[in-house]
Amino acid sequence: MTVRQEVLSGDESLEVWIDQDLCTGDGICAQYAPEVFELDIDGLAYVKGADDVLLQAKGAVAAVPLPLVADVVDSARECPGECIHVRRISDRVEVYGPDSE
């Protein structure tokens, strides 16, 4: 079983954050998961909170809704800036992104 299958089939809740220092502003994340990511006026991507508000604080974290896990994982894998971090909420271990194992 691949890591992706384990993440998608497990009961673990995930969260995501973006390192804006590495963001290239390509917008791939917003194309894959517009419910979770959005480009701001500064041209950088940010995560959105449950109330659809852009979370602009450095290191802001958003929960990944279960129906969007695959889209968020694909965003992290395809991001040219390698700035999207997806981790388990329970132990804060990164499962996708530049710091994943």
PDB file of N, CA and C in Angstrom:
ATOM      1  N   MET A   1       0.846  -1.176   0.000  1.00  0.00           N
ATOM      2  CA  MET A   1       0.000   0.000   0.000  1.00  0.00           C
ATOM      3  C   MET A   1       0.891   1.238   0.000  1.00  0.00           C
ATOM      4  N   THR A   2       0.579   2.180  -0.865  1.00  0.00           N
ATOM      5  CA  THR A   2       1.371   3.403  -0.933  1.00  0.00           C
ATOM      6  C   THR A   2       0.984   4.331   0.211  1.00  0.00           C
ATOM      7  N   VAL A   3       1.843   5.330   0.457  1.00  0.00           N
ATOM      8  CA  VAL A   3       1.550   6.312   1.500  1.00  0.00           C
ATOM      9  C   VAL A   3       0.236   7.014   1.194  1.00  0.00           C
ATOM     10  N   ARG A   4       0.003   7.335  -0.070  1.00  0.00           N
ATOM     11  CA  ARG A   4      -1.231   8.027  -0.442  1.00  0.00           C
ATOM     12  C   ARG A   4      -2.442   7.173  -0.100  1.00  0.00           C
ATOM     13  N   GLN A   5      -2.397   5.875  -0.401  1.00  0.00           N
ATOM     14  CA  GLN A   5      -3.513   4.988  -0.076  1.00  0.00           C
ATOM     15  C   GLN A   5      -3.723   4.921   1.430  1.00  0.00           C
ATOM     16  N   GLU A   6      -2.640   4.877   2.199  1.00  0.00           N
ATOM     17  CA  GLU A   6      -2.749   4.834   3.649  1.00  0.00           C
ATOM     18  C   GLU A   6      -3.412   6.105   4.174  1.00  0.00           C
ATOM     19  N   VAL A   7      -2.987   7.254   3.652  1.00  0.00           N
ATOM     20  CA  VAL A   7      -3.548   8.520   4.110  1.00  0.00           C
ATOM     21  C   VAL A   7      -5.020   8.608   3.742  1.00  0.00           C
ATOM     22  N   LEU A   8      -5.355   8.217   2.521  1.00  0.00           N
ATOM     23  CA  LEU A   8      -6.730   8.342   2.073  1.00  0.00           C
ATOM     24  C   LEU A   8      -7.650   7.316   2.710  1.00  0.00           C
ATOM     25  N   SER A   9      -7.132   6.166   3.132  1.00  0.00           N
ATOM     26  CA  SER A   9      -7.982   5.136   3.700  1.00  0.00           C
ATOM     27  C   SER A   9      -8.000   5.165   5.222  1.00  0.00           C
ATOM     28  N   GLY A  10      -7.097   5.902   5.821  1.00  0.00           N
ATOM     29  CA  GLY A  10      -7.024   5.943   7.275  1.00  0.00           C
ATOM     30  C   GLY A  10      -8.047   6.883   7.878  1.00  0.00           C
ATOM     31  N   ASP A  11      -8.133   6.835   9.193  1.00  0.00           N
ATOM     32  CA  ASP A  11      -9.060   7.700   9.911  1.00  0.00           C
ATOM     33  C   ASP A  11      -8.377   8.974  10.386  1.00  0.00           C
ATOM     34  N   GLU A  12      -7.147   9.189   9.976  1.00  0.00           N
ATOM     35  CA  GLU A  12      -6.383  10.349  10.429  1.00  0.00           C
ATOM     36  C   GLU A  12      -6.885  11.624   9.772  1.00  0.00           C
ATOM     37  N   SER A  13      -7.059  12.653  10.564  1.00  0.00           N
ATOM     38  CA  SER A  13      -7.406  13.966  10.046  1.00  0.00           C
ATOM     39  C   SER A  13      -6.117  14.661   9.621  1.00  0.00           C
ATOM     40  N   LEU A  14      -6.211  15.438   8.559  1.00  0.00           N
ATOM     41  CA  LEU A  14      -5.046  16.122   8.016  1.00  0.00           C
ATOM     42  C   LEU A  14      -5.240  17.625   8.069  1.00  0.00           C
ATOM     43  N   GLU A  15      -4.101  18.322   8.103  1.00  0.00           N
ATOM     44  CA  GLU A  15      -4.096  19.775   8.006  1.00  0.00           C
ATOM     45  C   GLU A  15      -3.050  20.174   6.984  1.00  0.00           C
ATOM     46  N   VAL A  16      -3.176  21.386   6.476  1.00  0.00           N
ATOM     47  CA  VAL A  16      -2.276  21.856   5.429  1.00  0.00           C
ATOM     48  C   VAL A  16      -1.868  23.295   5.718  1.00  0.00           C
ATOM     49  N   TRP A  17      -0.639  23.618   5.346  1.00  0.00           N
ATOM     50  CA  TRP A  17      -0.174  25.000   5.416  1.00  0.00           C
ATOM     51  C   TRP A  17       0.777  25.244   4.263  1.00  0.00           C
ATOM     52  N   ILE A  18       0.968  26.513   3.949  1.00  0.00           N
ATOM     53  CA  ILE A  18       1.838  26.916   2.836  1.00  0.00           C
ATOM     54  C   ILE A  18       2.953  27.798   3.358  1.00  0.00           C
ATOM     55  N   ASP A  19       4.170  27.510   2.909  1.00  0.00           N
ATOM     56  CA  ASP A  19       5.316  28.360   3.211  1.00  0.00           C
ATOM     57  C   ASP A  19       5.392  29.420   2.106  1.00  0.00           C
ATOM     58  N   GLN A  20       4.880  30.613   2.393  1.00  0.00           N
ATOM     59  CA  GLN A  20       4.843  31.666   1.375  1.00  0.00           C
ATOM     60  C   GLN A  20       6.234  32.091   0.914  1.00  0.00           C
ATOM     61  N   ASP A  21       7.263  31.841   1.709  1.00  0.00           N
ATOM     62  CA  ASP A  21       8.625  32.181   1.286  1.00  0.00           C
ATOM     63  C   ASP A  21       9.059  31.348   0.084  1.00  0.00           C
ATOM     64  N   LEU A  22       8.439  30.184  -0.107  1.00  0.00           N
ATOM     65  CA  LEU A  22       8.780  29.295  -1.222  1.00  0.00           C
ATOM     66  C   LEU A  22       7.746  29.319  -2.342  1.00  0.00           C
ATOM     67  N   CYS A  23       6.602  29.939  -2.098  1.00  0.00           N
ATOM     68  CA  CYS A  23       5.512  29.949  -3.075  1.00  0.00           C
ATOM     69  C   CYS A  23       5.937  30.700  -4.330  1.00  0.00           C
ATOM     70  N   THR A  24       5.682  30.070  -5.488  1.00  0.00           N
ATOM     71  CA  THR A  24       6.020  30.686  -6.773  1.00  0.00           C
ATOM     72  C   THR A  24       4.817  31.368  -7.416  1.00  0.00           C
ATOM     73  N   GLY A  25       3.642  31.228  -6.793  1.00  0.00           N
ATOM     74  CA  GLY A  25       2.442  31.892  -7.298  1.00  0.00           C
ATOM     75  C   GLY A  25       1.872  31.292  -8.560  1.00  0.00           C
ATOM     76  N   ASP A  26       2.207  30.045  -8.858  1.00  0.00           N
ATOM     77  CA  ASP A  26       1.690  29.399 -10.068  1.00  0.00           C
ATOM     78  C   ASP A  26       0.189  29.133 -10.001  1.00  0.00           C
ATOM     79  N   GLY A  27      -0.344  28.955  -8.810  1.00  0.00           N
ATOM     80  CA  GLY A  27      -1.781  28.754  -8.646  1.00  0.00           C
ATOM     81  C   GLY A  27      -2.269  27.345  -8.901  1.00  0.00           C
ATOM     82  N   ILE A  28      -1.353  26.405  -9.030  1.00  0.00           N
ATOM     83  CA  ILE A  28      -1.753  25.012  -9.256  1.00  0.00           C
ATOM     84  C   ILE A  28      -2.613  24.516  -8.095  1.00  0.00           C
ATOM     85  N   CYS A  29      -2.254  24.897  -6.889  1.00  0.00           N
ATOM     86  CA  CYS A  29      -3.012  24.463  -5.711  1.00  0.00           C
ATOM     87  C   CYS A  29      -4.452  24.953  -5.783  1.00  0.00           C
ATOM     88  N   ALA A  30      -4.639  26.204  -6.171  1.00  0.00           N
ATOM     89  CA  ALA A  30      -5.984  26.765  -6.260  1.00  0.00           C
ATOM     90  C   ALA A  30      -6.784  26.119  -7.383  1.00  0.00           C
ATOM     91  N   GLN A  31      -6.094  25.605  -8.405  1.00  0.00           N
ATOM     92  CA  GLN A  31      -6.788  24.890  -9.474  1.00  0.00           C
ATOM     93  C   GLN A  31      -7.257  23.518  -8.989  1.00  0.00           C
ATOM     94  N   TYR A  32      -6.407  22.827  -8.232  1.00  0.00           N
ATOM     95  CA  TYR A  32      -6.760  21.500  -7.718  1.00  0.00           C
ATOM     96  C   TYR A  32      -7.810  21.581  -6.615  1.00  0.00           C
ATOM     97  N   ALA A  33      -7.651  22.500  -5.687  1.00  0.00           N
ATOM     98  CA  ALA A  33      -8.528  22.563  -4.511  1.00  0.00           C
ATOM     99  C   ALA A  33      -8.871  24.016  -4.163  1.00  0.00           C
ATOM    100  N   PRO A  34      -9.735  24.652  -4.948  1.00  0.00           N
ATOM    101  CA  PRO A  34     -10.082  26.052  -4.680  1.00  0.00           C
ATOM    102  C   PRO A  34     -10.818  26.249  -3.362  1.00  0.00           C
ATOM    103  N   GLU A  35     -11.363  25.183  -2.795  1.00  0.00           N
ATOM    104  CA  GLU A  35     -12.028  25.289  -1.504  1.00  0.00           C
ATOM    105  C   GLU A  35     -11.025  25.434  -0.362  1.00  0.00           C
ATOM    106  N   VAL A  36      -9.759  25.065  -0.636  1.00  0.00           N
ATOM    107  CA  VAL A  36      -8.714  25.059   0.398  1.00  0.00           C
ATOM    108  C   VAL A  36      -7.659  26.133   0.158  1.00  0.00           C
ATOM    109  N   PHE A  37      -7.348  26.413  -1.107  1.00  0.00           N
ATOM    110  CA  PHE A  37      -6.271  27.343  -1.462  1.00  0.00           C
ATOM    111  C   PHE A  37      -6.800  28.507  -2.286  1.00  0.00           C
ATOM    112  N   GLU A  38      -6.126  29.650  -2.134  1.00  0.00           N
ATOM    113  CA  GLU A  38      -6.481  30.820  -2.936  1.00  0.00           C
ATOM    114  C   GLU A  38      -5.251  31.710  -3.083  1.00  0.00           C
ATOM    115  N   LEU A  39      -5.124  32.319  -4.261  1.00  0.00           N
ATOM    116  CA  LEU A  39      -4.060  33.304  -4.474  1.00  0.00           C
ATOM    117  C   LEU A  39      -4.567  34.656  -3.982  1.00  0.00           C
ATOM    118  N   ASP A  40      -3.711  35.366  -3.286  1.00  0.00           N
ATOM    119  CA  ASP A  40      -4.077  36.688  -2.797  1.00  0.00           C
ATOM    120  C   ASP A  40      -3.551  37.749  -3.755  1.00  0.00           C
ATOM    121  N   ILE A  41      -3.838  38.981  -3.462  1.00  0.00           N
ATOM    122  CA  ILE A  41      -3.426  40.102  -4.306  1.00  0.00           C
ATOM    123  C   ILE A  41      -1.902  40.189  -4.441  1.00  0.00           C
ATOM    124  N   ASP A  42      -1.172  39.636  -3.452  1.00  0.00           N
ATOM    125  CA  ASP A  42       0.295  39.639  -3.521  1.00  0.00           C
ATOM    126  C   ASP A  42       0.841  38.555  -4.456  1.00  0.00           C
ATOM    127  N   GLY A  43      -0.055  37.749  -5.042  1.00  0.00           N
ATOM    128  CA  GLY A  43       0.351  36.717  -5.990  1.00  0.00           C
ATOM    129  C   GLY A  43       0.769  35.406  -5.341  1.00  0.00           C
ATOM    130  N   LEU A  44       0.648  35.308  -4.027  1.00  0.00           N
ATOM    131  CA  LEU A  44       1.037  34.097  -3.313  1.00  0.00           C
ATOM    132  C   LEU A  44      -0.194  33.318  -2.878  1.00  0.00           C
ATOM    133  N   ALA A  45      -0.016  32.012  -2.705  1.00  0.00           N
ATOM    134  CA  ALA A  45      -1.115  31.152  -2.278  1.00  0.00           C
ATOM    135  C   ALA A  45      -1.205  31.108  -0.758  1.00  0.00           C
ATOM    136  N   TYR A  46      -2.437  30.984  -0.284  1.00  0.00           N
ATOM    137  CA  TYR A  46      -2.724  30.866   1.143  1.00  0.00           C
ATOM    138  C   TYR A  46      -3.800  29.797   1.321  1.00  0.00           C
ATOM    139  N   VAL A  47      -3.888  29.256   2.527  1.00  0.00           N
ATOM    140  CA  VAL A  47      -4.962  28.327   2.837  1.00  0.00           C
ATOM    141  C   VAL A  47      -6.171  29.126   3.299  1.00  0.00           C
ATOM    142  N   LYS A  48      -7.333  28.478   3.188  1.00  0.00           N
ATOM    143  CA  LYS A  48      -8.573  29.111   3.623  1.00  0.00           C
ATOM    144  C   LYS A  48      -9.132  28.340   4.812  1.00  0.00           C
ATOM    145  N   GLY A  49      -9.706  29.079   5.736  1.00  0.00           N
ATOM    146  CA  GLY A  49     -10.334  28.474   6.900  1.00  0.00           C
ATOM    147  C   GLY A  49     -11.690  27.892   6.541  1.00  0.00           C
ATOM    148  N   ALA A  50     -12.298  27.230   7.507  1.00  0.00           N
ATOM    149  CA  ALA A  50     -13.594  26.592   7.289  1.00  0.00           C
ATOM    150  C   ALA A  50     -14.662  27.588   6.862  1.00  0.00           C
ATOM    151  N   ASP A  51     -14.518  28.830   7.261  1.00  0.00           N
ATOM    152  CA  ASP A  51     -15.490  29.865   6.907  1.00  0.00           C
ATOM    153  C   ASP A  51     -15.136  30.557   5.589  1.00  0.00           C
ATOM    154  N   ASP A  52     -14.220  29.958   4.816  1.00  0.00           N
ATOM    155  CA  ASP A  52     -13.803  30.437   3.492  1.00  0.00           C
ATOM    156  C   ASP A  52     -12.996  31.738   3.555  1.00  0.00           C
ATOM    157  N   VAL A  53     -12.467  32.066   4.731  1.00  0.00           N
ATOM    158  CA  VAL A  53     -11.653  33.261   4.906  1.00  0.00           C
ATOM    159  C   VAL A  53     -10.187  32.904   4.669  1.00  0.00           C
ATOM    160  N   LEU A  54      -9.498  33.740   3.916  1.00  0.00           N
ATOM    161  CA  LEU A  54      -8.077  33.541   3.647  1.00  0.00           C
ATOM    162  C   LEU A  54      -7.279  33.712   4.933  1.00  0.00           C
ATOM    163  N   LEU A  55      -6.450  32.725   5.249  1.00  0.00           N
ATOM    164  CA  LEU A  55      -5.627  32.767   6.457  1.00  0.00           C
ATOM    165  C   LEU A  55      -4.241  33.254   6.074  1.00  0.00           C
ATOM    166  N   GLN A  56      -3.956  34.519   6.354  1.00  0.00           N
ATOM    167  CA  GLN A  56      -2.727  35.143   5.875  1.00  0.00           C
ATOM    168  C   GLN A  56      -1.603  35.193   6.897  1.00  0.00           C
ATOM    169  N   ALA A  57      -1.837  34.747   8.105  1.00  0.00           N
ATOM    170  CA  ALA A  57      -0.768  34.733   9.107  1.00  0.00           C
ATOM    171  C   ALA A  57       0.286  33.706   8.705  1.00  0.00           C
ATOM    172  N   LYS A  58       1.535  34.027   8.958  1.00  0.00           N
ATOM    173  CA  LYS A  58       2.621  33.120   8.609  1.00  0.00           C
ATOM    174  C   LYS A  58       2.413  31.778   9.319  1.00  0.00           C
ATOM    175  N   GLY A  59       2.446  30.701   8.554  1.00  0.00           N
ATOM    176  CA  GLY A  59       2.277  29.364   9.112  1.00  0.00           C
ATOM    177  C   GLY A  59       0.843  28.997   9.440  1.00  0.00           C
ATOM    178  N   ALA A  60      -0.120  29.776   8.953  1.00  0.00           N
ATOM    179  CA  ALA A  60      -1.524  29.475   9.223  1.00  0.00           C
ATOM    180  C   ALA A  60      -1.872  28.092   8.679  1.00  0.00           C
ATOM    181  N   VAL A  61      -2.648  27.359   9.458  1.00  0.00           N
ATOM    182  CA  VAL A  61      -2.987  25.974   9.150  1.00  0.00           C
ATOM    183  C   VAL A  61      -4.491  25.847   8.944  1.00  0.00           C
ATOM    184  N   ALA A  62      -4.878  25.023   7.975  1.00  0.00           N
ATOM    185  CA  ALA A  62      -6.295  24.746   7.734  1.00  0.00           C
ATOM    186  C   ALA A  62      -6.509  23.239   7.735  1.00  0.00           C
ATOM    187  N   ALA A  63      -7.638  22.824   8.261  1.00  0.00           N
ATOM    188  CA  ALA A  63      -8.009  21.411   8.217  1.00  0.00           C
ATOM    189  C   ALA A  63      -8.309  21.040   6.767  1.00  0.00           C
ATOM    190  N   VAL A  64      -7.993  19.799   6.406  1.00  0.00           N
ATOM    191  CA  VAL A  64      -8.280  19.309   5.063  1.00  0.00           C
ATOM    192  C   VAL A  64      -9.604  18.540   5.126  1.00  0.00           C
ATOM    193  N   PRO A  65     -10.655  19.035   4.468  1.00  0.00           N
ATOM    194  CA  PRO A  65     -11.916  18.299   4.458  1.00  0.00           C
ATOM    195  C   PRO A  65     -11.729  16.936   3.790  1.00  0.00           C
ATOM    196  N   LEU A  66     -12.292  15.900   4.361  1.00  0.00           N
ATOM    197  CA  LEU A  66     -12.111  14.542   3.864  1.00  0.00           C
ATOM    198  C   LEU A  66     -12.372  14.402   2.363  1.00  0.00           C
ATOM    199  N   PRO A  67     -13.428  15.009   1.813  1.00  0.00           N
ATOM    200  CA  PRO A  67     -13.657  14.853   0.369  1.00  0.00           C
ATOM    201  C   PRO A  67     -12.570  15.494  -0.505  1.00  0.00           C
ATOM    202  N   LEU A  68     -11.735  16.354   0.087  1.00  0.00           N
ATOM    203  CA  LEU A  68     -10.720  17.069  -0.689  1.00  0.00           C
ATOM    204  C   LEU A  68      -9.304  16.564  -0.452  1.00  0.00           C
ATOM    205  N   VAL A  69      -9.153  15.487   0.299  1.00  0.00           N
ATOM    206  CA  VAL A  69      -7.814  14.988   0.619  1.00  0.00           C
ATOM    207  C   VAL A  69      -7.012  14.700  -0.651  1.00  0.00           C
ATOM    208  N   ALA A  70      -7.582  14.003  -1.603  1.00  0.00           N
ATOM    209  CA  ALA A  70      -6.852  13.663  -2.836  1.00  0.00           C
ATOM    210  C   ALA A  70      -6.421  14.916  -3.585  1.00  0.00           C
ATOM    211  N   ASP A  71      -7.295  15.931  -3.650  1.00  0.00           N
ATOM    212  CA  ASP A  71      -6.957  17.169  -4.356  1.00  0.00           C
ATOM    213  C   ASP A  71      -5.833  17.929  -3.651  1.00  0.00           C
ATOM    214  N   VAL A  72      -5.864  17.943  -2.324  1.00  0.00           N
ATOM    215  CA  VAL A  72      -4.820  18.637  -1.558  1.00  0.00           C
ATOM    216  C   VAL A  72      -3.492  17.897  -1.701  1.00  0.00           C
ATOM    217  N   VAL A  73      -3.527  16.571  -1.658  1.00  0.00           N
ATOM    218  CA  VAL A  73      -2.308  15.773  -1.849  1.00  0.00           C
ATOM    219  C   VAL A  73      -1.738  16.014  -3.245  1.00  0.00           C
ATOM    220  N   ASP A  74      -2.592  16.026  -4.252  1.00  0.00           N
ATOM    221  CA  ASP A  74      -2.130  16.300  -5.621  1.00  0.00           C
ATOM    222  C   ASP A  74      -1.528  17.700  -5.717  1.00  0.00           C
ATOM    223  N   SER A  75      -2.110  18.662  -5.022  1.00  0.00           N
ATOM    224  CA  SER A  75      -1.561  20.022  -5.008  1.00  0.00           C
ATOM    225  C   SER A  75      -0.145  20.030  -4.452  1.00  0.00           C
ATOM    226  N   ALA A  76       0.050  19.325  -3.349  1.00  0.00           N
ATOM    227  CA  ALA A  76       1.384  19.267  -2.732  1.00  0.00           C
ATOM    228  C   ALA A  76       2.384  18.584  -3.661  1.00  0.00           C
ATOM    229  N   ARG A  77       1.959  17.545  -4.331  1.00  0.00           N
ATOM    230  CA  ARG A  77       2.864  16.802  -5.214  1.00  0.00           C
ATOM    231  C   ARG A  77       3.231  17.592  -6.467  1.00  0.00           C
ATOM    232  N   GLU A  78       2.301  18.390  -6.976  1.00  0.00           N
ATOM    233  CA  GLU A  78       2.517  19.115  -8.230  1.00  0.00           C
ATOM    234  C   GLU A  78       3.069  20.518  -8.049  1.00  0.00           C
ATOM    235  N   CYS A  79       3.103  21.010  -6.834  1.00  0.00           N
ATOM    236  CA  CYS A  79       3.542  22.380  -6.578  1.00  0.00           C
ATOM    237  C   CYS A  79       5.000  22.590  -6.996  1.00  0.00           C
ATOM    238  N   PRO A  80       5.265  23.503  -7.936  1.00  0.00           N
ATOM    239  CA  PRO A  80       6.643  23.735  -8.379  1.00  0.00           C
ATOM    240  C   PRO A  80       7.517  24.381  -7.303  1.00  0.00           C
ATOM    241  N   GLY A  81       6.897  25.078  -6.378  1.00  0.00           N
ATOM    242  CA  GLY A  81       7.664  25.712  -5.305  1.00  0.00           C
ATOM    243  C   GLY A  81       7.914  24.807  -4.112  1.00  0.00           C
ATOM    244  N   GLU A  82       7.295  23.613  -4.137  1.00  0.00           N
ATOM    245  CA  GLU A  82       7.408  22.664  -3.028  1.00  0.00           C
ATOM    246  C   GLU A  82       7.159  23.357  -1.685  1.00  0.00           C
ATOM    247  N   CYS A  83       6.055  24.105  -1.633  1.00  0.00           N
ATOM    248  CA  CYS A  83       5.775  24.903  -0.430  1.00  0.00           C
ATOM    249  C   CYS A  83       4.549  24.446   0.337  1.00  0.00           C
ATOM    250  N   ILE A  84       3.871  23.404  -0.142  1.00  0.00           N
ATOM    251  CA  ILE A  84       2.649  22.933   0.506  1.00  0.00           C
ATOM    252  C   ILE A  84       2.988  21.774   1.430  1.00  0.00           C
ATOM    253  N   HIS A  85       2.583  21.906   2.680  1.00  0.00           N
ATOM    254  CA  HIS A  85       2.870  20.902   3.710  1.00  0.00           C
ATOM    255  C   HIS A  85       1.560  20.290   4.192  1.00  0.00           C
ATOM    256  N   VAL A  86       1.431  18.981   4.069  1.00  0.00           N
ATOM    257  CA  VAL A  86       0.247  18.264   4.536  1.00  0.00           C
ATOM    258  C   VAL A  86       0.701  17.338   5.656  1.00  0.00           C
ATOM    259  N   ARG A  87       0.061  17.464   6.814  1.00  0.00           N
ATOM    260  CA  ARG A  87       0.478  16.644   7.951  1.00  0.00           C
ATOM    261  C   ARG A  87      -0.734  16.129   8.716  1.00  0.00           C
ATOM    262  N   ARG A  88      -0.481  15.045   9.457  1.00  0.00           N
ATOM    263  CA  ARG A  88      -1.524  14.498  10.322  1.00  0.00           C
ATOM    264  C   ARG A  88      -1.705  15.434  11.507  1.00  0.00           C
ATOM    265  N   ILE A  89      -2.935  15.638  11.900  1.00  0.00           N
ATOM    266  CA  ILE A  89      -3.209  16.502  13.049  1.00  0.00           C
ATOM    267  C   ILE A  89      -2.766  15.832  14.341  1.00  0.00           C
ATOM    268  N   SER A  90      -2.946  14.522  14.430  1.00  0.00           N
ATOM    269  CA  SER A  90      -2.692  13.808  15.688  1.00  0.00           C
ATOM    270  C   SER A  90      -1.252  13.917  16.167  1.00  0.00           C
ATOM    271  N   ASP A  91      -0.288  13.776  15.257  1.00  0.00           N
ATOM    272  CA  ASP A  91       1.116  13.800  15.681  1.00  0.00           C
ATOM    273  C   ASP A  91       1.946  14.835  14.916  1.00  0.00           C
ATOM    274  N   ARG A  92       1.283  15.606  14.052  1.00  0.00           N
ATOM    275  CA  ARG A  92       1.924  16.675  13.272  1.00  0.00           C
ATOM    276  C   ARG A  92       3.066  16.166  12.393  1.00  0.00           C
ATOM    277  N   VAL A  93       2.994  14.917  11.970  1.00  0.00           N
ATOM    278  CA  VAL A  93       3.981  14.346  11.050  1.00  0.00           C
ATOM    279  C   VAL A  93       3.558  14.683   9.628  1.00  0.00           C
ATOM    280  N   GLU A  94       4.493  15.251   8.879  1.00  0.00           N
ATOM    281  CA  GLU A  94       4.206  15.614   7.492  1.00  0.00           C
ATOM    282  C   GLU A  94       4.150  14.358   6.637  1.00  0.00           C
ATOM    283  N   VAL A  95       3.019  14.184   5.932  1.00  0.00           N
ATOM    284  CA  VAL A  95       2.842  13.010   5.079  1.00  0.00           C
ATOM    285  C   VAL A  95       3.016  13.352   3.603  1.00  0.00           C
ATOM    286  N   TYR A  96       2.853  14.607   3.241  1.00  0.00           N
ATOM    287  CA  TYR A  96       3.133  15.086   1.880  1.00  0.00           C
ATOM    288  C   TYR A  96       3.730  16.467   1.970  1.00  0.00           C
ATOM    289  N   GLY A  97       4.673  16.738   1.083  1.00  0.00           N
ATOM    290  CA  GLY A  97       5.334  18.029   1.062  1.00  0.00           C
ATOM    291  C   GLY A  97       6.829  17.854   1.173  1.00  0.00           C
ATOM    292  N   PRO A  98       7.549  18.963   1.207  1.00  0.00           N
ATOM    293  CA  PRO A  98       9.012  18.893   1.182  1.00  0.00           C
ATOM    294  C   PRO A  98       9.641  18.243   2.417  1.00  0.00           C
ATOM    295  N   ASP A  99       8.930  18.187   3.541  1.00  0.00           N
ATOM    296  CA  ASP A  99       9.498  17.590   4.750  1.00  0.00           C
ATOM    297  C   ASP A  99       8.963  16.199   5.053  1.00  0.00           C
ATOM    298  N   SER A 100       8.234  15.602   4.070  1.00  0.00           N
ATOM    299  CA  SER A 100       7.701  14.258   4.301  1.00  0.00           C
ATOM    300  C   SER A 100       8.799  13.223   4.131  1.00  0.00           C
ATOM    301  N   GLU A 101       8.594  12.084   4.738  1.00  0.00           N
ATOM    302  CA  GLU A 101       9.598  11.011   4.673  1.00  0.00           C
ATOM    303  C   GLU A 101       9.404  10.148   3.458  1.00  0.00           C
TER     304      GLU A 101
END
